[in-house]
């Protein structure tokens, strides 16, 4: 796991160079879990991907444009797949729409 790596220097792409990556790695792990919990919270009732994405953009005060839809959308799809594979979400198809729901 990244937070247990030992090296003389770590060069993260989004912060200062450091000789101890453990705190930053833990921060990233916590953020992933936070976002996963937000998605699970949204999916108490069945929701489409677009509705989940819309709600996450509102929650994080992001502005939707084509590039953000593609980049963040890809990330959200990865979260949804991970949560489904983890047994936390299920999918259903109704009227040719896929919806996600917390188990």
N, C-alpha and C. Protein backbone atom coordinates (compact mmCIF):
# COMPACT_ATOMS: atom_id res chain seq x y z
N UNK A 1 0.84 -1.17 0.00
CA UNK A 1 0.00 0.00 0.00
C UNK A 1 0.89 1.25 0.00
N UNK A 2 0.46 2.28 -0.67
CA UNK A 2 1.28 3.47 -0.86
C UNK A 2 1.73 4.08 0.47
N UNK A 3 0.84 4.13 1.44
CA UNK A 3 1.22 4.81 2.69
C UNK A 3 2.32 4.07 3.46
N UNK A 4 2.61 2.85 3.08
CA UNK A 4 3.67 2.09 3.75
C UNK A 4 4.97 2.05 2.95
N UNK A 5 5.01 2.74 1.82
CA UNK A 5 6.22 2.78 1.01
C UNK A 5 7.32 3.56 1.74
N UNK A 6 8.54 3.14 1.54
CA UNK A 6 9.68 3.82 2.13
C UNK A 6 10.58 4.30 0.99
N UNK A 7 10.86 5.58 0.98
CA UNK A 7 11.74 6.17 -0.04
C UNK A 7 12.37 7.43 0.52
N UNK A 8 13.43 7.87 -0.12
CA UNK A 8 14.07 9.11 0.30
C UNK A 8 13.21 10.32 -0.04
N UNK A 9 12.42 10.20 -1.13
CA UNK A 9 11.65 11.35 -1.58
C UNK A 9 10.43 10.87 -2.36
N UNK A 10 9.30 11.55 -2.13
CA UNK A 10 8.08 11.34 -2.90
C UNK A 10 7.74 12.66 -3.57
N UNK A 11 7.33 12.59 -4.81
CA UNK A 11 6.99 13.80 -5.57
C UNK A 11 5.53 13.67 -6.03
N UNK A 12 4.60 14.02 -5.15
CA UNK A 12 3.18 13.97 -5.54
C UNK A 12 2.89 15.02 -6.60
N UNK A 13 1.91 14.75 -7.43
CA UNK A 13 1.60 15.69 -8.52
C UNK A 13 0.83 16.92 -8.03
N UNK A 14 0.28 16.87 -6.83
CA UNK A 14 -0.61 17.95 -6.40
C UNK A 14 -0.24 18.56 -5.05
N UNK A 15 0.99 18.36 -4.60
CA UNK A 15 1.43 19.00 -3.35
C UNK A 15 2.96 18.99 -3.30
N UNK A 16 3.49 19.41 -2.18
CA UNK A 16 4.94 19.54 -2.01
C UNK A 16 5.65 18.18 -1.98
N UNK A 17 6.91 18.21 -2.33
CA UNK A 17 7.78 17.03 -2.20
C UNK A 17 7.88 16.69 -0.72
N UNK A 18 7.94 15.39 -0.42
CA UNK A 18 7.99 14.95 0.97
C UNK A 18 8.83 13.69 1.11
N UNK A 19 9.31 13.44 2.31
CA UNK A 19 10.01 12.19 2.56
C UNK A 19 9.12 11.18 3.28
N UNK A 20 7.89 11.60 3.61
CA UNK A 20 6.93 10.70 4.27
C UNK A 20 5.58 10.85 3.58
N UNK A 21 5.17 9.85 2.87
CA UNK A 21 3.94 9.90 2.07
C UNK A 21 2.71 9.42 2.86
N UNK A 22 2.91 8.88 4.05
CA UNK A 22 1.82 8.21 4.77
C UNK A 22 0.64 9.13 5.06
N UNK A 23 0.86 10.35 5.48
CA UNK A 23 -0.26 11.26 5.80
C UNK A 23 -1.05 11.61 4.54
N UNK A 24 -0.37 11.89 3.45
CA UNK A 24 -1.05 12.21 2.21
C UNK A 24 -1.81 11.00 1.67
N UNK A 25 -1.20 9.84 1.76
CA UNK A 25 -1.88 8.63 1.31
C UNK A 25 -3.13 8.38 2.14
N UNK A 26 -3.05 8.57 3.45
CA UNK A 26 -4.22 8.38 4.30
C UNK A 26 -5.30 9.40 3.98
N UNK A 27 -4.89 10.65 3.71
CA UNK A 27 -5.85 11.68 3.31
C UNK A 27 -6.60 11.25 2.05
N UNK A 28 -5.86 10.73 1.07
CA UNK A 28 -6.49 10.28 -0.18
C UNK A 28 -7.43 9.10 0.06
N UNK A 29 -7.02 8.17 0.90
CA UNK A 29 -7.89 7.03 1.25
C UNK A 29 -9.17 7.54 1.90
N UNK A 30 -9.03 8.47 2.84
CA UNK A 30 -10.20 9.03 3.52
C UNK A 30 -11.12 9.74 2.54
N UNK A 31 -10.55 10.45 1.57
CA UNK A 31 -11.35 11.17 0.58
C UNK A 31 -12.10 10.19 -0.32
N UNK A 32 -11.46 9.12 -0.73
CA UNK A 32 -12.13 8.09 -1.53
C UNK A 32 -13.31 7.52 -0.76
N UNK A 33 -13.09 7.21 0.51
CA UNK A 33 -14.18 6.66 1.33
C UNK A 33 -15.29 7.68 1.54
N UNK A 34 -14.94 8.95 1.71
CA UNK A 34 -15.95 10.00 1.86
C UNK A 34 -16.84 10.08 0.62
N UNK A 35 -16.24 10.08 -0.54
CA UNK A 35 -17.01 10.17 -1.78
C UNK A 35 -17.87 8.92 -1.96
N UNK A 36 -17.31 7.76 -1.64
CA UNK A 36 -18.09 6.52 -1.73
C UNK A 36 -19.32 6.59 -0.83
N UNK A 37 -19.15 7.12 0.37
CA UNK A 37 -20.28 7.26 1.30
C UNK A 37 -21.32 8.24 0.76
N UNK A 38 -20.86 9.32 0.12
CA UNK A 38 -21.81 10.26 -0.49
C UNK A 38 -22.62 9.58 -1.58
N UNK A 39 -21.96 8.79 -2.40
CA UNK A 39 -22.66 8.07 -3.46
C UNK A 39 -23.66 7.09 -2.85
N UNK A 40 -23.24 6.35 -1.85
CA UNK A 40 -24.16 5.41 -1.20
C UNK A 40 -25.34 6.15 -0.58
N UNK A 41 -25.08 7.31 0.00
CA UNK A 41 -26.16 8.12 0.58
C UNK A 41 -27.16 8.56 -0.47
N UNK A 42 -26.68 8.91 -1.64
CA UNK A 42 -27.56 9.32 -2.73
C UNK A 42 -28.41 8.16 -3.22
N UNK A 43 -27.91 6.95 -3.09
CA UNK A 43 -28.56 5.78 -3.70
C UNK A 43 -29.48 5.04 -2.74
N UNK A 44 -30.00 5.72 -1.74
CA UNK A 44 -31.01 5.11 -0.89
C UNK A 44 -32.25 4.78 -1.69
N UNK A 45 -32.51 5.58 -2.68
CA UNK A 45 -33.56 5.35 -3.67
C UNK A 45 -32.86 5.15 -5.00
N UNK A 46 -33.45 4.40 -5.93
CA UNK A 46 -32.81 4.20 -7.23
C UNK A 46 -32.51 5.52 -7.94
N UNK A 47 -31.31 5.63 -8.47
CA UNK A 47 -30.89 6.83 -9.18
C UNK A 47 -30.11 6.46 -10.44
N UNK A 48 -30.31 7.25 -11.47
CA UNK A 48 -29.53 7.06 -12.68
C UNK A 48 -28.14 7.66 -12.49
N UNK A 49 -27.23 7.24 -13.35
CA UNK A 49 -25.88 7.82 -13.32
C UNK A 49 -25.93 9.33 -13.43
N UNK A 50 -26.72 9.85 -14.36
CA UNK A 50 -26.78 11.31 -14.56
C UNK A 50 -27.27 12.02 -13.31
N UNK A 51 -28.22 11.43 -12.61
CA UNK A 51 -28.72 12.04 -11.39
C UNK A 51 -27.67 12.02 -10.29
N UNK A 52 -26.95 10.92 -10.19
CA UNK A 52 -25.86 10.83 -9.21
C UNK A 52 -24.80 11.87 -9.52
N UNK A 53 -24.41 11.97 -10.78
CA UNK A 53 -23.40 12.94 -11.19
C UNK A 53 -23.87 14.36 -10.90
N UNK A 54 -25.11 14.66 -11.22
CA UNK A 54 -25.67 15.99 -10.96
C UNK A 54 -25.59 16.33 -9.47
N UNK A 55 -25.98 15.39 -8.64
CA UNK A 55 -25.96 15.64 -7.19
C UNK A 55 -24.55 15.80 -6.65
N UNK A 56 -23.60 15.03 -7.16
CA UNK A 56 -22.21 15.19 -6.72
C UNK A 56 -21.65 16.54 -7.15
N UNK A 57 -21.98 16.98 -8.36
CA UNK A 57 -21.53 18.30 -8.80
C UNK A 57 -22.09 19.38 -7.89
N UNK A 58 -23.34 19.27 -7.53
CA UNK A 58 -23.95 20.25 -6.63
C UNK A 58 -23.29 20.20 -5.26
N UNK A 59 -23.07 19.01 -4.74
CA UNK A 59 -22.46 18.83 -3.41
C UNK A 59 -21.07 19.46 -3.34
N UNK A 60 -20.29 19.27 -4.39
CA UNK A 60 -18.92 19.78 -4.39
C UNK A 60 -18.78 21.13 -5.10
N UNK A 61 -19.92 21.73 -5.43
CA UNK A 61 -19.95 23.06 -6.06
C UNK A 61 -19.08 23.12 -7.32
N UNK A 62 -19.24 22.11 -8.16
CA UNK A 62 -18.53 22.06 -9.43
C UNK A 62 -19.43 22.60 -10.53
N UNK A 63 -18.83 23.06 -11.59
CA UNK A 63 -19.58 23.55 -12.74
C UNK A 63 -19.46 22.53 -13.87
N UNK A 64 -20.62 22.12 -14.36
CA UNK A 64 -20.63 21.10 -15.41
C UNK A 64 -20.29 21.71 -16.76
N UNK A 65 -19.39 21.08 -17.46
CA UNK A 65 -19.13 21.36 -18.86
C UNK A 65 -18.74 20.01 -19.48
N UNK A 66 -18.49 20.01 -20.75
CA UNK A 66 -18.21 18.75 -21.43
C UNK A 66 -17.01 18.03 -20.83
N UNK A 67 -15.92 18.77 -20.62
CA UNK A 67 -14.70 18.16 -20.11
C UNK A 67 -14.91 17.58 -18.71
N UNK A 68 -15.58 18.34 -17.84
CA UNK A 68 -15.85 17.85 -16.48
C UNK A 68 -16.77 16.63 -16.51
N UNK A 69 -17.76 16.66 -17.40
CA UNK A 69 -18.68 15.53 -17.52
C UNK A 69 -17.89 14.27 -17.87
N UNK A 70 -16.97 14.39 -18.80
CA UNK A 70 -16.17 13.24 -19.22
C UNK A 70 -15.22 12.80 -18.11
N UNK A 71 -14.47 13.73 -17.53
CA UNK A 71 -13.46 13.37 -16.53
C UNK A 71 -14.07 12.91 -15.22
N UNK A 72 -14.95 13.72 -14.66
CA UNK A 72 -15.56 13.35 -13.38
C UNK A 72 -16.52 12.18 -13.59
N UNK A 73 -17.23 12.20 -14.72
CA UNK A 73 -18.14 11.11 -15.01
C UNK A 73 -17.43 9.77 -15.05
N UNK A 74 -16.25 9.72 -15.63
CA UNK A 74 -15.47 8.48 -15.67
C UNK A 74 -15.10 8.03 -14.26
N UNK A 75 -14.72 8.97 -13.43
CA UNK A 75 -14.38 8.65 -12.05
C UNK A 75 -15.59 8.12 -11.29
N UNK A 76 -16.74 8.77 -11.47
CA UNK A 76 -17.96 8.34 -10.79
C UNK A 76 -18.36 6.95 -11.28
N UNK A 77 -18.23 6.67 -12.55
CA UNK A 77 -18.53 5.33 -13.06
C UNK A 77 -17.62 4.29 -12.41
N UNK A 78 -16.37 4.65 -12.18
CA UNK A 78 -15.45 3.73 -11.50
C UNK A 78 -15.90 3.48 -10.07
N UNK A 79 -16.31 4.53 -9.38
CA UNK A 79 -16.85 4.36 -8.02
C UNK A 79 -18.06 3.44 -8.04
N UNK A 80 -18.98 3.66 -8.97
CA UNK A 80 -20.19 2.85 -9.04
C UNK A 80 -19.85 1.38 -9.27
N UNK A 81 -18.93 1.11 -10.18
CA UNK A 81 -18.52 -0.26 -10.45
C UNK A 81 -17.87 -0.88 -9.21
N UNK A 82 -17.01 -0.13 -8.53
CA UNK A 82 -16.34 -0.61 -7.32
C UNK A 82 -17.37 -0.92 -6.23
N UNK A 83 -18.33 0.00 -6.04
CA UNK A 83 -19.35 -0.21 -5.02
C UNK A 83 -20.25 -1.39 -5.36
N UNK A 84 -20.53 -1.59 -6.64
CA UNK A 84 -21.31 -2.76 -7.05
C UNK A 84 -20.51 -4.04 -6.81
N UNK A 85 -19.23 -4.05 -7.21
CA UNK A 85 -18.39 -5.22 -7.01
C UNK A 85 -18.19 -5.52 -5.52
N UNK A 86 -18.28 -4.48 -4.69
CA UNK A 86 -18.13 -4.64 -3.24
C UNK A 86 -19.42 -5.08 -2.57
N UNK A 87 -20.49 -5.22 -3.35
CA UNK A 87 -21.76 -5.65 -2.80
C UNK A 87 -22.53 -4.56 -2.07
N UNK A 88 -22.20 -3.30 -2.35
CA UNK A 88 -22.87 -2.18 -1.66
C UNK A 88 -23.95 -1.52 -2.51
N UNK A 89 -23.86 -1.72 -3.84
CA UNK A 89 -24.85 -1.18 -4.77
C UNK A 89 -25.36 -2.30 -5.66
N UNK A 90 -26.56 -2.12 -6.13
CA UNK A 90 -27.12 -3.02 -7.13
C UNK A 90 -27.65 -2.17 -8.27
N UNK A 91 -27.84 -2.78 -9.42
CA UNK A 91 -28.39 -2.06 -10.57
C UNK A 91 -29.71 -2.70 -10.97
N UNK A 92 -30.54 -1.87 -11.56
CA UNK A 92 -31.82 -2.32 -12.07
C UNK A 92 -32.08 -1.60 -13.39
N UNK A 93 -32.76 -2.27 -14.30
CA UNK A 93 -33.12 -1.65 -15.57
C UNK A 93 -34.63 -1.55 -15.64
N UNK A 94 -35.09 -0.32 -15.87
CA UNK A 94 -36.53 -0.07 -16.01
C UNK A 94 -36.72 1.00 -17.08
N UNK A 95 -37.63 0.75 -18.00
CA UNK A 95 -37.87 1.67 -19.12
C UNK A 95 -36.57 2.01 -19.85
N UNK A 96 -35.71 1.02 -19.99
CA UNK A 96 -34.43 1.18 -20.68
C UNK A 96 -33.48 2.17 -20.01
N UNK A 97 -33.64 2.37 -18.70
CA UNK A 97 -32.73 3.20 -17.93
C UNK A 97 -32.12 2.33 -16.83
N UNK A 98 -30.82 2.48 -16.65
CA UNK A 98 -30.16 1.78 -15.56
C UNK A 98 -30.17 2.66 -14.32
N UNK A 99 -30.56 2.10 -13.20
CA UNK A 99 -30.52 2.85 -11.95
C UNK A 99 -29.70 2.09 -10.92
N UNK A 100 -29.11 2.85 -10.03
CA UNK A 100 -28.24 2.33 -8.99
C UNK A 100 -28.95 2.48 -7.66
N UNK A 101 -28.84 1.47 -6.79
CA UNK A 101 -29.49 1.53 -5.48
C UNK A 101 -28.60 0.85 -4.45
N UNK A 102 -28.55 1.50 -3.29
CA UNK A 102 -27.81 0.94 -2.17
C UNK A 102 -28.46 -0.36 -1.72
N UNK A 103 -27.65 -1.35 -1.37
CA UNK A 103 -28.17 -2.63 -0.87
C UNK A 103 -28.40 -2.51 0.62
